[in-house]
Amino acid sequence: MKAVAAALKVSAALVYKWCEPPANDDDPDQSGAKNPLDRVREMYQITKDIRLIRYLCNEAGGFFVTNPPIEKQTHDTDASLYRQSRTLVRDFSALLDSVTQSVEDDHSVDPEEADQIRQKWEDLKANVERFVILCEQGHFHLRDSSQKPKTYP
């Protein structure tokens, strides 16, 4: 705790308070203080700006992917599977269009253009991950009733 406090340039007592439950209406004398993660969560809840979450994930060496909605029915291959596949190709094409537009005018990518490319890339990764999870969960099956869809735990 002392090393964390020193690195953050705050008191060790404050770091200890972050570990305590926050004060609530039932016990206003409780001494816990909002920790930085609680504050970041509040910032997201107020702004609904997903770039905040994406930034943190990027700083941790990863990326943020939203959980796909749980769908109660499976999809047939002819409709939803192909439609979603085409959507992924269109999303990738939009990303490539952004890159091309950025460099066509001045043969460079400025910071604003780079941010737009990053957002399209993050959206594409999230959509691909959602698609793969739905495939893994067995949400697509063949119309031919003689072939049974795979079931997953």
Protein backbone atom coordinates (compact mmCIF):
# COMPACT_ATOMS: atom_id res chain seq x y z
CA MET A 1 0.00 0.00 0.00
CA LYS A 2 2.81 2.39 0.81
CA ALA A 3 4.43 1.84 -2.58
CA VAL A 4 1.13 2.55 -4.34
CA ALA A 5 0.61 5.68 -2.25
CA ALA A 6 4.13 6.89 -2.99
CA ALA A 7 3.76 6.25 -6.74
CA LEU A 8 0.44 8.12 -6.80
CA LYS A 9 1.77 10.87 -4.53
CA VAL A 10 -1.06 10.45 -2.01
CA SER A 11 -1.01 9.43 1.60
CA ALA A 12 -1.03 5.78 2.60
CA ALA A 13 -4.07 6.56 4.75
CA LEU A 14 -6.01 7.59 1.63
CA VAL A 15 -5.07 4.34 -0.14
CA TYR A 16 -6.29 2.41 2.91
CA LYS A 17 -9.56 4.40 2.85
CA TRP A 18 -10.02 3.39 -0.81
CA CYS A 19 -10.09 -0.22 0.39
CA GLU A 20 -12.91 0.45 2.84
CA PRO A 21 -16.57 0.39 1.81
CA PRO A 22 -17.79 3.86 0.80
CA ALA A 23 -20.04 5.85 3.08
CA ASN A 24 -23.72 5.26 2.51
CA ASP A 25 -27.00 6.75 3.69
CA ASP A 26 -27.32 4.17 6.50
CA ASP A 27 -23.89 4.99 7.95
CA PRO A 28 -22.77 8.50 6.92
CA ASP A 29 -19.88 8.36 9.43
CA GLN A 30 -18.27 5.48 7.58
CA SER A 31 -14.77 6.56 6.60
CA GLY A 32 -14.27 4.97 3.17
CA ALA A 33 -13.32 7.31 0.34
CA LYS A 34 -14.25 6.89 -3.33
CA ASN A 35 -11.38 5.13 -5.00
CA PRO A 36 -10.13 6.11 -8.47
CA LEU A 37 -11.93 3.20 -10.13
CA ASP A 38 -15.24 4.29 -8.63
CA ARG A 39 -14.60 7.78 -9.97
CA VAL A 40 -13.74 6.49 -13.45
CA ARG A 41 -16.96 4.42 -13.42
CA GLU A 42 -18.90 7.57 -12.48
CA MET A 43 -17.20 9.50 -15.28
CA TYR A 44 -18.36 6.85 -17.75
CA GLN A 45 -21.89 6.77 -16.29
CA ILE A 46 -22.12 10.55 -16.63
CA THR A 47 -20.60 10.89 -20.11
CA LYS A 48 -21.48 7.50 -21.66
CA ASP A 49 -18.29 8.05 -23.70
CA ILE A 50 -16.95 4.59 -24.53
CA ARG A 51 -13.58 6.12 -25.46
CA LEU A 52 -12.80 6.41 -21.74
CA ILE A 53 -13.16 2.66 -21.29
CA ARG A 54 -11.33 1.94 -24.54
CA TYR A 55 -8.46 4.17 -23.42
CA LEU A 56 -8.08 2.28 -20.13
CA CYS A 57 -8.19 -1.08 -21.89
CA ASN A 58 -5.63 0.11 -24.44
CA GLU A 59 -3.35 1.28 -21.63
CA ALA A 60 -3.61 -2.23 -20.15
CA GLY A 61 -2.54 -3.75 -23.46
CA GLY A 62 -5.97 -4.91 -24.57
CA PHE A 63 -9.25 -3.64 -25.92
CA PHE A 64 -12.83 -3.40 -24.76
CA VAL A 65 -15.53 -5.59 -26.27
CA THR A 66 -19.13 -5.31 -25.20
CA ASN A 67 -20.97 -8.47 -24.29
CA PRO A 68 -23.34 -9.53 -27.05
CA PRO A 69 -27.01 -9.47 -26.13
CA ILE A 70 -28.36 -12.87 -25.22
CA GLU A 71 -30.79 -13.90 -27.90
CA LYS A 72 -33.44 -16.46 -27.03
CA GLN A 73 -33.71 -17.96 -30.48
CA THR A 74 -31.13 -19.37 -32.84
CA HIS A 75 -30.68 -17.90 -36.29
CA ASP A 76 -30.81 -19.71 -39.57
CA THR A 77 -27.68 -19.72 -41.68
CA ASP A 78 -29.30 -18.22 -44.77
CA ALA A 79 -30.52 -15.09 -43.05
CA SER A 80 -28.71 -13.84 -39.99
CA LEU A 81 -25.32 -15.54 -40.41
CA TYR A 82 -24.80 -14.19 -43.91
CA ARG A 83 -26.25 -10.79 -43.05
CA GLN A 84 -23.91 -10.44 -40.10
CA SER A 85 -20.95 -11.61 -42.19
CA ARG A 86 -21.74 -8.97 -44.80
CA THR A 87 -21.99 -6.35 -42.06
CA LEU A 88 -18.48 -7.23 -40.86
CA VAL A 89 -17.14 -6.88 -44.41
CA ARG A 90 -18.87 -3.49 -44.74
CA ASP A 91 -17.42 -2.36 -41.38
CA PHE A 92 -13.93 -3.38 -42.50
CA SER A 93 -14.46 -1.56 -45.79
CA ALA A 94 -15.49 1.58 -43.86
CA LEU A 95 -12.27 1.34 -41.86
CA LEU A 96 -10.22 1.09 -45.06
CA ASP A 97 -12.15 4.04 -46.54
CA SER A 98 -11.24 6.14 -43.49
CA VAL A 99 -7.56 5.29 -43.91
CA THR A 100 -7.67 6.04 -47.63
CA GLN A 101 -9.47 9.36 -47.16
CA SER A 102 -6.95 10.37 -44.50
CA VAL A 103 -3.94 9.94 -46.74
CA GLU A 104 -5.40 10.96 -50.12
CA ASP A 105 -5.46 14.69 -49.45
CA ASP A 106 -2.11 15.37 -47.80
CA HIS A 107 -0.35 11.97 -47.73
CA SER A 108 -0.49 11.88 -43.93
CA VAL A 109 -2.81 11.04 -41.07
CA ASP A 110 -3.40 13.87 -38.60
CA PRO A 111 -4.37 13.21 -34.96
CA GLU A 112 -8.09 13.79 -35.57
CA GLU A 113 -8.07 11.36 -38.50
CA ALA A 114 -6.10 8.86 -36.43
CA ASP A 115 -8.76 9.09 -33.72
CA GLN A 116 -11.51 8.42 -36.27
CA ILE A 117 -9.58 5.42 -37.60
CA ARG A 118 -9.06 4.15 -34.05
CA GLN A 119 -12.80 4.40 -33.28
CA LYS A 120 -13.74 2.53 -36.47
CA TRP A 121 -11.13 -0.12 -35.63
CA GLU A 122 -12.48 -0.50 -32.08
CA ASP A 123 -16.04 -0.81 -33.40
CA LEU A 124 -14.95 -3.43 -35.93
CA LYS A 125 -13.11 -5.49 -33.29
CA ALA A 126 -16.14 -5.38 -31.02
CA ASN A 127 -18.48 -6.47 -33.82
CA VAL A 128 -16.19 -9.32 -34.87
CA GLU A 129 -15.89 -10.51 -31.26
CA ARG A 130 -19.67 -10.38 -30.88
CA PHE A 131 -20.08 -12.42 -34.07
CA VAL A 132 -17.55 -15.05 -32.94
CA ILE A 133 -19.18 -15.37 -29.51
CA LEU A 134 -22.58 -15.89 -31.12
CA CYS A 135 -21.05 -18.59 -33.35
CA GLU A 136 -19.42 -20.26 -30.35
CA GLN A 137 -22.69 -20.21 -28.45
CA GLY A 138 -24.45 -21.99 -31.30
CA HIS A 139 -26.75 -19.15 -32.31
CA PHE A 140 -26.65 -20.16 -35.98
CA HIS A 141 -27.88 -23.41 -37.48
CA LEU A 142 -28.64 -24.87 -40.86
CA ARG A 143 -32.18 -24.84 -42.21
CA ASP A 144 -31.87 -28.49 -43.14
CA SER A 145 -33.60 -30.18 -40.22
CA SER A 146 -31.60 -33.38 -40.79
CA GLN A 147 -28.50 -31.61 -39.47
CA LYS A 148 -28.72 -30.81 -35.81
CA PRO A 149 -27.03 -27.64 -34.54
CA LYS A 150 -24.19 -28.09 -32.10
CA THR A 151 -25.00 -27.43 -28.49
CA TYR A 152 -22.59 -25.64 -26.19
CA PRO A 153 -22.46 -25.57 -22.42
